[in-house]
Amino acid sequence: MEKTCGSPKGEVLLKGKRIGHMDGLNLIQWFLKNKYKYTGTFSRFITEDPEKSHSGIKIDIVMTEKRLIIKDACIDWMKNPQKNGTFNAQHIESYDE
């Protein structure tokens, strides 16, 4: 089973503090071996501190228009700082404003 959703923009949090945003977000939810897997892509990752824009960083991504938080997302691959890439996440949560 596979479900997808997307958002033109998402806020990026590191340890609860906003560090930037991502453009062109896509999230895929897979159900595999009795648990959910979350993978995604982004077209651009803009940070206020360029040192926080690298592969391997663990972040949370807030998709405000979908009211979803992608928790514990790890950037797997980025073309170069502030460009497109992929991530894997541990889980997603919905929230009310």
N, C-alpha and C. Protein backbone atom coordinates (compact mmCIF):
# COMPACT_ATOMS: atom_id res chain seq x y z
N MET A 1 0.85 -1.18 0.00
CA MET A 1 0.00 0.00 0.00
C MET A 1 0.89 1.23 0.00
N GLU A 2 0.49 2.24 -0.75
CA GLU A 2 1.28 3.47 -0.87
C GLU A 2 0.33 4.66 -0.90
N LYS A 3 0.68 5.70 -0.16
CA LYS A 3 -0.05 6.96 -0.17
C LYS A 3 0.94 8.09 -0.35
N THR A 4 0.53 9.11 -1.07
CA THR A 4 1.42 10.26 -1.27
C THR A 4 0.70 11.56 -0.93
N CYS A 5 1.47 12.54 -0.56
CA CYS A 5 0.95 13.90 -0.40
C CYS A 5 2.09 14.86 -0.68
N GLY A 6 1.75 16.08 -0.98
CA GLY A 6 2.76 17.07 -1.30
C GLY A 6 2.39 18.44 -0.78
N SER A 7 3.36 19.31 -0.76
CA SER A 7 3.16 20.67 -0.31
C SER A 7 4.18 21.56 -1.02
N PRO A 8 3.77 22.77 -1.42
CA PRO A 8 4.74 23.64 -2.08
C PRO A 8 5.83 24.15 -1.13
N LYS A 9 5.54 24.18 0.19
CA LYS A 9 6.52 24.71 1.13
C LYS A 9 6.31 24.10 2.51
N GLY A 10 7.40 23.88 3.23
CA GLY A 10 7.34 23.36 4.60
C GLY A 10 8.39 24.03 5.47
N GLU A 11 8.05 24.25 6.73
CA GLU A 11 8.99 24.83 7.69
C GLU A 11 9.88 23.72 8.25
N VAL A 12 11.16 24.01 8.43
CA VAL A 12 12.12 23.02 8.94
C VAL A 12 12.52 23.40 10.36
N LEU A 13 12.41 22.41 11.27
CA LEU A 13 12.75 22.61 12.67
C LEU A 13 13.89 21.69 13.06
N LEU A 14 14.80 22.21 13.87
CA LEU A 14 15.89 21.41 14.44
C LEU A 14 15.82 21.61 15.94
N LYS A 15 15.54 20.55 16.67
CA LYS A 15 15.39 20.60 18.13
C LYS A 15 14.36 21.63 18.55
N GLY A 16 13.26 21.72 17.79
CA GLY A 16 12.16 22.61 18.12
C GLY A 16 12.31 24.04 17.66
N LYS A 17 13.44 24.39 17.05
CA LYS A 17 13.68 25.77 16.57
C LYS A 17 13.69 25.80 15.05
N ARG A 18 13.05 26.81 14.49
CA ARG A 18 12.99 26.95 13.04
C ARG A 18 14.38 27.31 12.51
N ILE A 19 14.83 26.53 11.50
CA ILE A 19 16.14 26.82 10.90
C ILE A 19 16.02 27.18 9.42
N GLY A 20 14.82 27.04 8.84
CA GLY A 20 14.66 27.36 7.42
C GLY A 20 13.39 26.76 6.86
N HIS A 21 13.40 26.54 5.55
CA HIS A 21 12.23 25.94 4.90
C HIS A 21 12.66 25.07 3.71
N MET A 22 11.70 24.22 3.29
CA MET A 22 11.89 23.38 2.11
C MET A 22 10.81 23.74 1.11
N ASP A 23 11.16 23.73 -0.14
CA ASP A 23 10.21 23.96 -1.23
C ASP A 23 9.99 22.64 -1.97
N GLY A 24 8.81 22.49 -2.55
CA GLY A 24 8.51 21.33 -3.39
C GLY A 24 8.58 20.01 -2.66
N LEU A 25 7.86 19.89 -1.54
CA LEU A 25 7.89 18.67 -0.73
C LEU A 25 6.95 17.60 -1.28
N ASN A 26 7.40 16.37 -1.28
CA ASN A 26 6.58 15.21 -1.59
C ASN A 26 6.87 14.15 -0.55
N LEU A 27 5.81 13.51 -0.03
CA LEU A 27 5.95 12.48 0.99
C LEU A 27 5.24 11.22 0.53
N ILE A 28 5.90 10.09 0.67
CA ILE A 28 5.32 8.79 0.33
C ILE A 28 5.28 7.95 1.59
N GLN A 29 4.10 7.38 1.86
CA GLN A 29 3.92 6.49 3.02
C GLN A 29 3.78 5.06 2.50
N TRP A 30 4.62 4.18 2.96
CA TRP A 30 4.62 2.78 2.56
C TRP A 30 4.23 1.93 3.76
N PHE A 31 3.51 0.86 3.54
CA PHE A 31 3.24 -0.12 4.59
C PHE A 31 3.98 -1.38 4.19
N LEU A 32 5.02 -1.70 4.96
CA LEU A 32 5.91 -2.79 4.60
C LEU A 32 6.29 -3.58 5.85
N LYS A 33 6.12 -4.87 5.81
CA LYS A 33 6.47 -5.74 6.92
C LYS A 33 5.85 -5.27 8.24
N ASN A 34 4.54 -5.01 8.20
CA ASN A 34 3.74 -4.65 9.38
C ASN A 34 4.12 -3.32 10.02
N LYS A 35 4.75 -2.43 9.30
CA LYS A 35 4.99 -1.08 9.83
C LYS A 35 5.09 -0.08 8.69
N TYR A 36 4.86 1.19 9.01
CA TYR A 36 4.90 2.25 8.02
C TYR A 36 6.32 2.77 7.82
N LYS A 37 6.62 3.08 6.58
CA LYS A 37 7.88 3.71 6.19
C LYS A 37 7.52 5.01 5.50
N TYR A 38 8.30 6.05 5.74
CA TYR A 38 8.05 7.36 5.14
C TYR A 38 9.29 7.82 4.41
N THR A 39 9.14 8.10 3.14
CA THR A 39 10.23 8.64 2.34
C THR A 39 9.72 9.90 1.64
N GLY A 40 10.63 10.77 1.28
CA GLY A 40 10.20 11.99 0.63
C GLY A 40 11.29 12.63 -0.19
N THR A 41 10.86 13.63 -0.94
CA THR A 41 11.77 14.42 -1.76
C THR A 41 11.48 15.90 -1.55
N PHE A 42 12.45 16.73 -1.88
CA PHE A 42 12.26 18.17 -1.85
C PHE A 42 13.06 18.78 -2.99
N SER A 43 12.58 19.95 -3.47
CA SER A 43 13.27 20.58 -4.60
C SER A 43 14.31 21.60 -4.14
N ARG A 44 14.14 22.12 -2.90
CA ARG A 44 15.12 23.09 -2.39
C ARG A 44 15.05 23.12 -0.87
N PHE A 45 16.19 23.23 -0.21
CA PHE A 45 16.30 23.31 1.25
C PHE A 45 17.08 24.58 1.58
N ILE A 46 16.38 25.59 2.09
CA ILE A 46 16.99 26.88 2.41
C ILE A 46 17.10 27.00 3.92
N THR A 47 18.33 27.20 4.44
CA THR A 47 18.53 27.37 5.87
C THR A 47 19.14 28.73 6.16
N GLU A 48 18.88 29.21 7.37
CA GLU A 48 19.48 30.47 7.79
C GLU A 48 20.96 30.31 8.11
N ASP A 49 21.36 29.09 8.47
CA ASP A 49 22.76 28.77 8.75
C ASP A 49 23.20 27.69 7.76
N PRO A 50 24.02 28.02 6.77
CA PRO A 50 24.41 27.05 5.75
C PRO A 50 25.06 25.77 6.31
N GLU A 51 25.62 25.81 7.50
CA GLU A 51 26.22 24.62 8.09
C GLU A 51 25.18 23.57 8.48
N LYS A 52 23.91 23.97 8.55
CA LYS A 52 22.84 23.04 8.91
C LYS A 52 22.16 22.47 7.68
N SER A 53 22.70 22.71 6.52
CA SER A 53 22.15 22.20 5.27
C SER A 53 23.10 21.14 4.71
N HIS A 54 22.96 19.91 5.21
CA HIS A 54 23.83 18.82 4.76
C HIS A 54 23.13 17.48 4.93
N SER A 55 23.64 16.48 4.26
CA SER A 55 23.12 15.12 4.39
C SER A 55 23.40 14.61 5.80
N GLY A 56 22.48 13.81 6.32
CA GLY A 56 22.66 13.21 7.63
C GLY A 56 22.02 13.98 8.77
N ILE A 57 21.60 15.21 8.55
CA ILE A 57 20.98 16.01 9.61
C ILE A 57 19.57 15.48 9.89
N LYS A 58 19.19 15.43 11.17
CA LYS A 58 17.85 14.99 11.58
C LYS A 58 17.01 16.21 11.92
N ILE A 59 15.86 16.33 11.27
CA ILE A 59 15.01 17.51 11.39
C ILE A 59 13.55 17.09 11.49
N ASP A 60 12.68 18.05 11.79
CA ASP A 60 11.24 17.90 11.67
C ASP A 60 10.79 18.86 10.59
N ILE A 61 9.81 18.43 9.79
CA ILE A 61 9.31 19.26 8.70
C ILE A 61 7.81 19.47 8.93
N VAL A 62 7.39 20.73 8.96
CA VAL A 62 5.98 21.06 9.19
C VAL A 62 5.35 21.45 7.86
N MET A 63 4.35 20.65 7.44
CA MET A 63 3.58 20.97 6.24
C MET A 63 2.31 21.68 6.72
N THR A 64 2.35 23.01 6.80
CA THR A 64 1.27 23.77 7.43
C THR A 64 -0.06 23.63 6.70
N GLU A 65 -0.05 23.61 5.38
CA GLU A 65 -1.32 23.52 4.67
C GLU A 65 -1.97 22.14 4.79
N LYS A 66 -1.19 21.12 5.09
CA LYS A 66 -1.71 19.76 5.30
C LYS A 66 -1.91 19.45 6.79
N ARG A 67 -1.38 20.35 7.66
CA ARG A 67 -1.41 20.16 9.11
C ARG A 67 -0.73 18.84 9.52
N LEU A 68 0.44 18.62 8.94
CA LEU A 68 1.25 17.44 9.24
C LEU A 68 2.63 17.86 9.70
N ILE A 69 3.19 17.05 10.62
CA ILE A 69 4.58 17.22 11.02
C ILE A 69 5.29 15.91 10.67
N ILE A 70 6.31 16.02 9.86
CA ILE A 70 7.14 14.86 9.52
C ILE A 70 8.23 14.83 10.57
N LYS A 71 8.18 13.83 11.45
CA LYS A 71 9.07 13.77 12.61
C LYS A 71 10.33 12.95 12.32
N ASP A 72 11.43 13.42 12.89
CA ASP A 72 12.71 12.71 12.82
C ASP A 72 13.10 12.35 11.39
N ALA A 73 13.01 13.33 10.51
CA ALA A 73 13.40 13.12 9.11
C ALA A 73 14.92 13.25 9.00
N CYS A 74 15.51 12.30 8.35
CA CYS A 74 16.96 12.31 8.13
C CYS A 74 17.22 12.56 6.65
N ILE A 75 17.97 13.61 6.35
CA ILE A 75 18.31 13.92 4.96
C ILE A 75 19.27 12.85 4.46
N ASP A 76 18.82 12.06 3.47
CA ASP A 76 19.65 10.99 2.92
C ASP A 76 20.65 11.51 1.90
N TRP A 77 20.15 12.37 1.03
CA TRP A 77 20.97 12.81 -0.10
C TRP A 77 20.56 14.22 -0.49
N MET A 78 21.54 15.05 -0.80
CA MET A 78 21.30 16.38 -1.36
C MET A 78 22.28 16.61 -2.50
N LYS A 79 21.79 17.22 -3.57
CA LYS A 79 22.65 17.48 -4.72
C LYS A 79 23.83 18.35 -4.30
N ASN A 80 23.55 19.42 -3.60
CA ASN A 80 24.54 20.29 -2.96
C ASN A 80 23.75 21.21 -2.04
N PRO A 81 24.40 21.99 -1.18
CA PRO A 81 23.63 22.83 -0.26
C PRO A 81 22.58 23.68 -0.97
N GLN A 82 21.40 23.71 -0.41
CA GLN A 82 20.25 24.47 -0.89
C GLN A 82 19.66 23.94 -2.19
N LYS A 83 19.86 22.68 -2.49
CA LYS A 83 19.29 22.09 -3.70
C LYS A 83 18.38 20.92 -3.36
N ASN A 84 18.00 20.16 -4.39
CA ASN A 84 17.06 19.06 -4.22
C ASN A 84 17.68 17.86 -3.52
N GLY A 85 16.82 17.00 -2.95
CA GLY A 85 17.30 15.82 -2.26
C GLY A 85 16.19 14.93 -1.78
N THR A 86 16.56 13.95 -0.94
CA THR A 86 15.62 12.96 -0.41
C THR A 86 15.78 12.84 1.09
N PHE A 87 14.73 12.30 1.75
CA PHE A 87 14.79 12.06 3.19
C PHE A 87 13.97 10.84 3.56
N ASN A 88 14.25 10.28 4.72
CA ASN A 88 13.46 9.22 5.35
C ASN A 88 13.01 9.74 6.70
N ALA A 89 11.80 9.37 7.12
CA ALA A 89 11.28 9.84 8.40
C ALA A 89 10.81 8.67 9.25
N GLN A 90 10.80 8.87 10.57
CA GLN A 90 10.36 7.83 11.49
C GLN A 90 8.84 7.73 11.57
N HIS A 91 8.16 8.89 11.62
CA HIS A 91 6.70 8.90 11.65
C HIS A 91 6.17 10.28 11.31
N ILE A 92 4.86 10.36 11.14
CA ILE A 92 4.22 11.65 10.90
C ILE A 92 3.12 11.84 11.92
N GLU A 93 2.83 13.11 12.22
CA GLU A 93 1.78 13.45 13.17
C GLU A 93 0.92 14.54 12.56
N SER A 94 -0.36 14.52 12.89
CA SER A 94 -1.23 15.62 12.48
C SER A 94 -1.40 16.55 13.69
N TYR A 95 -1.77 17.79 13.43
CA TYR A 95 -1.96 18.75 14.51
C TYR A 95 -3.11 19.68 14.16
N ASP A 96 -3.69 20.30 15.18
CA ASP A 96 -4.72 21.32 15.02
C ASP A 96 -4.13 22.66 15.40
N GLU A 97 -4.54 23.69 14.69
CA GLU A 97 -4.02 25.03 15.01
C GLU A 97 -4.87 25.69 16.05
